[in-house]
Amino acid sequence: MDVFARSENWKRSLGFIGNHRYADLTPEQCHSRTRICRIHFSAESLSDISKTRLTRNAVPSLLLSAETAMISKYISPV
Protein backbone atom coordinates (compact mmCIF):
# COMPACT_ATOMS: atom_id res chain seq x y z
CA MET A 1 0.00 0.00 0.00
CA ASP A 2 1.44 3.39 -0.92
CA VAL A 3 1.78 6.27 1.53
CA PHE A 4 -1.17 8.22 0.10
CA ALA A 5 -3.55 5.24 0.30
CA ARG A 6 -2.42 4.44 3.84
CA SER A 7 -2.95 8.05 4.92
CA GLU A 8 -6.43 8.07 3.38
CA ASN A 9 -7.32 4.82 5.19
CA TRP A 10 -6.22 6.32 8.50
CA LYS A 11 -8.13 9.57 7.89
CA ARG A 12 -11.27 7.62 6.99
CA SER A 13 -11.04 5.37 10.05
CA LEU A 14 -10.51 8.40 12.31
CA GLY A 15 -13.41 10.33 10.80
CA PHE A 16 -11.17 12.96 9.19
CA ILE A 17 -13.48 13.29 6.17
CA GLY A 18 -15.85 15.83 4.67
CA ASN A 19 -15.60 19.16 6.47
CA HIS A 20 -13.27 17.90 9.22
CA ARG A 21 -10.32 20.24 9.67
CA TYR A 22 -7.87 17.39 8.98
CA ALA A 23 -9.66 16.07 5.87
CA ASP A 24 -7.34 17.81 3.38
CA LEU A 25 -4.02 17.03 5.08
CA THR A 26 -1.34 15.47 2.91
CA PRO A 27 0.34 12.26 4.14
CA GLU A 28 3.31 14.34 5.34
CA GLN A 29 1.04 16.72 7.26
CA CYS A 30 -0.83 13.79 8.83
CA HIS A 31 2.48 12.35 9.99
CA SER A 32 3.73 15.61 11.48
CA ARG A 33 0.46 16.93 12.97
CA THR A 34 -1.33 13.91 14.40
CA ARG A 35 -0.51 11.22 16.94
CA ILE A 36 -2.49 8.12 17.85
CA CYS A 37 -1.68 5.97 20.87
CA ARG A 38 -1.47 2.18 20.75
CA ILE A 39 -4.87 1.60 22.41
CA HIS A 40 -6.43 2.38 19.02
CA PHE A 41 -4.74 -0.61 17.35
CA SER A 42 -5.53 -4.30 17.58
CA ALA A 43 -2.81 -6.75 18.65
CA GLU A 44 -2.49 -7.85 15.01
CA SER A 45 -1.48 -4.29 14.08
CA LEU A 46 1.65 -4.43 16.24
CA SER A 47 4.87 -5.98 14.96
CA ASP A 48 5.77 -9.43 16.27
CA ILE A 49 9.26 -8.44 17.27
CA SER A 50 8.90 -5.38 19.49
CA LYS A 51 5.14 -4.80 19.91
CA THR A 52 5.99 -1.09 19.89
CA ARG A 53 5.94 -0.61 16.13
CA LEU A 54 3.00 -0.86 13.79
CA THR A 55 2.81 -3.26 10.89
CA ARG A 56 2.81 -1.72 7.44
CA ASN A 57 -0.93 -2.23 6.94
CA ALA A 58 -2.05 -1.17 10.45
CA VAL A 59 -5.13 1.05 10.63
CA PRO A 60 -6.50 2.45 13.89
CA SER A 61 -9.77 0.66 14.63
CA LEU A 62 -10.39 0.55 18.38
CA LEU A 63 -12.31 3.10 20.52
CA LEU A 64 -12.50 5.55 17.65
CA SER A 65 -15.89 7.23 17.62
CA ALA A 66 -15.96 8.73 21.12
CA GLU A 67 -12.21 9.36 21.19
CA THR A 68 -12.19 11.10 17.82
CA ALA A 69 -15.04 13.37 18.84
CA MET A 70 -13.24 14.31 22.05
CA ILE A 71 -9.92 14.92 20.32
CA SER A 72 -11.52 17.01 17.58
CA LYS A 73 -13.35 19.14 20.12
CA TYR A 74 -10.61 19.80 22.68
CA ILE A 75 -7.20 19.50 21.03
CA SER A 76 -5.99 22.08 18.56
CA PRO A 77 -3.76 21.12 15.62
CA VAL A 78 -0.01 20.96 16.21
C-alpha atoms as a PDB file:
ATOM      1  CA  MET A   1       0.000   0.000   0.000  1.00  0.00           C
ATOM      2  CA  ASP A   2       1.444   3.387  -0.920  1.00  0.00           C
ATOM      3  CA  VAL A   3       1.781   6.273   1.533  1.00  0.00           C
ATOM      4  CA  PHE A   4      -1.172   8.222   0.102  1.00  0.00           C
ATOM      5  CA  ALA A   5      -3.551   5.240   0.296  1.00  0.00           C
ATOM      6  CA  ARG A   6      -2.417   4.436   3.837  1.00  0.00           C
ATOM      7  CA  SER A   7      -2.948   8.051   4.916  1.00  0.00           C
ATOM      8  CA  GLU A   8      -6.433   8.074   3.381  1.00  0.00           C
ATOM      9  CA  ASN A   9      -7.319   4.818   5.190  1.00  0.00           C
ATOM     10  CA  TRP A  10      -6.225   6.317   8.505  1.00  0.00           C
ATOM     11  CA  LYS A  11      -8.130   9.565   7.892  1.00  0.00           C
ATOM     12  CA  ARG A  12     -11.271   7.622   6.985  1.00  0.00           C
ATOM     13  CA  SER A  13     -11.040   5.372  10.048  1.00  0.00           C
ATOM     14  CA  LEU A  14     -10.512   8.402  12.313  1.00  0.00           C
ATOM     15  CA  GLY A  15     -13.405  10.335  10.795  1.00  0.00           C
ATOM     16  CA  PHE A  16     -11.167  12.963   9.188  1.00  0.00           C
ATOM     17  CA  ILE A  17     -13.479  13.285   6.172  1.00  0.00           C
ATOM     18  CA  GLY A  18     -15.854  15.829   4.672  1.00  0.00           C
ATOM     19  CA  ASN A  19     -15.597  19.160   6.473  1.00  0.00           C
ATOM     20  CA  HIS A  20     -13.266  17.902   9.219  1.00  0.00           C
ATOM     21  CA  ARG A  21     -10.315  20.242   9.671  1.00  0.00           C
ATOM     22  CA  TYR A  22      -7.870  17.387   8.976  1.00  0.00           C
ATOM     23  CA  ALA A  23      -9.658  16.072   5.869  1.00  0.00           C
ATOM     24  CA  ASP A  24      -7.338  17.807   3.384  1.00  0.00           C
ATOM     25  CA  LEU A  25      -4.025  17.029   5.078  1.00  0.00           C
ATOM     26  CA  THR A  26      -1.340  15.467   2.913  1.00  0.00           C
ATOM     27  CA  PRO A  27       0.341  12.259   4.144  1.00  0.00           C
ATOM     28  CA  GLU A  28       3.309  14.341   5.336  1.00  0.00           C
ATOM     29  CA  GLN A  29       1.039  16.715   7.263  1.00  0.00           C
ATOM     30  CA  CYS A  30      -0.830  13.786   8.834  1.00  0.00           C
ATOM     31  CA  HIS A  31       2.477  12.351   9.993  1.00  0.00           C
ATOM     32  CA  SER A  32       3.734  15.614  11.481  1.00  0.00           C
ATOM     33  CA  ARG A  33       0.462  16.930  12.973  1.00  0.00           C
ATOM     34  CA  THR A  34      -1.327  13.910  14.405  1.00  0.00           C
ATOM     35  CA  ARG A  35      -0.509  11.217  16.936  1.00  0.00           C
ATOM     36  CA  ILE A  36      -2.486   8.115  17.847  1.00  0.00           C
ATOM     37  CA  CYS A  37      -1.682   5.971  20.867  1.00  0.00           C
ATOM     38  CA  ARG A  38      -1.472   2.181  20.751  1.00  0.00           C
ATOM     39  CA  ILE A  39      -4.871   1.599  22.410  1.00  0.00           C
ATOM     40  CA  HIS A  40      -6.425   2.379  19.024  1.00  0.00           C
ATOM     41  CA  PHE A  41      -4.739  -0.606  17.351  1.00  0.00           C
ATOM     42  CA  SER A  42      -5.531  -4.298  17.582  1.00  0.00           C
ATOM     43  CA  ALA A  43      -2.811  -6.748  18.654  1.00  0.00           C
ATOM     44  CA  GLU A  44      -2.489  -7.847  15.014  1.00  0.00           C
ATOM     45  CA  SER A  45      -1.477  -4.294  14.080  1.00  0.00           C
ATOM     46  CA  LEU A  46       1.651  -4.429  16.242  1.00  0.00           C
ATOM     47  CA  SER A  47       4.865  -5.980  14.961  1.00  0.00           C
ATOM     48  CA  ASP A  48       5.771  -9.429  16.269  1.00  0.00           C
ATOM     49  CA  ILE A  49       9.265  -8.438  17.269  1.00  0.00           C
ATOM     50  CA  SER A  50       8.896  -5.380  19.492  1.00  0.00           C
ATOM     51  CA  LYS A  51       5.143  -4.802  19.906  1.00  0.00           C
ATOM     52  CA  THR A  52       5.991  -1.086  19.894  1.00  0.00           C
ATOM     53  CA  ARG A  53       5.940  -0.608  16.127  1.00  0.00           C
ATOM     54  CA  LEU A  54       2.999  -0.857  13.791  1.00  0.00           C
ATOM     55  CA  THR A  55       2.811  -3.260  10.894  1.00  0.00           C
ATOM     56  CA  ARG A  56       2.814  -1.716   7.444  1.00  0.00           C
ATOM     57  CA  ASN A  57      -0.928  -2.231   6.940  1.00  0.00           C
ATOM     58  CA  ALA A  58      -2.050  -1.172  10.446  1.00  0.00           C
ATOM     59  CA  VAL A  59      -5.132   1.047  10.626  1.00  0.00           C
ATOM     60  CA  PRO A  60      -6.499   2.451  13.894  1.00  0.00           C
ATOM     61  CA  SER A  61      -9.765   0.660  14.626  1.00  0.00           C
ATOM     62  CA  LEU A  62     -10.391   0.547  18.383  1.00  0.00           C
ATOM     63  CA  LEU A  63     -12.305   3.099  20.522  1.00  0.00           C
ATOM     64  CA  LEU A  64     -12.497   5.553  17.653  1.00  0.00           C
ATOM     65  CA  SER A  65     -15.890   7.234  17.617  1.00  0.00           C
ATOM     66  CA  ALA A  66     -15.955   8.729  21.124  1.00  0.00           C
ATOM     67  CA  GLU A  67     -12.212   9.356  21.192  1.00  0.00           C
ATOM     68  CA  THR A  68     -12.190  11.099  17.815  1.00  0.00           C
ATOM     69  CA  ALA A  69     -15.042  13.374  18.844  1.00  0.00           C
ATOM     70  CA  MET A  70     -13.240  14.308  22.049  1.00  0.00           C
ATOM     71  CA  ILE A  71      -9.920  14.916  20.318  1.00  0.00           C
ATOM     72  CA  SER A  72     -11.521  17.013  17.575  1.00  0.00           C
ATOM     73  CA  LYS A  73     -13.352  19.135  20.124  1.00  0.00           C
ATOM     74  CA  TYR A  74     -10.606  19.796  22.680  1.00  0.00           C
ATOM     75  CA  ILE A  75      -7.197  19.501  21.034  1.00  0.00           C
ATOM     76  CA  SER A  76      -5.991  22.079  18.558  1.00  0.00           C
ATOM     77  CA  PRO A  77      -3.762  21.118  15.616  1.00  0.00           C
ATOM     78  CA  VAL A  78      -0.014  20.961  16.206  1.00  0.00           C
END
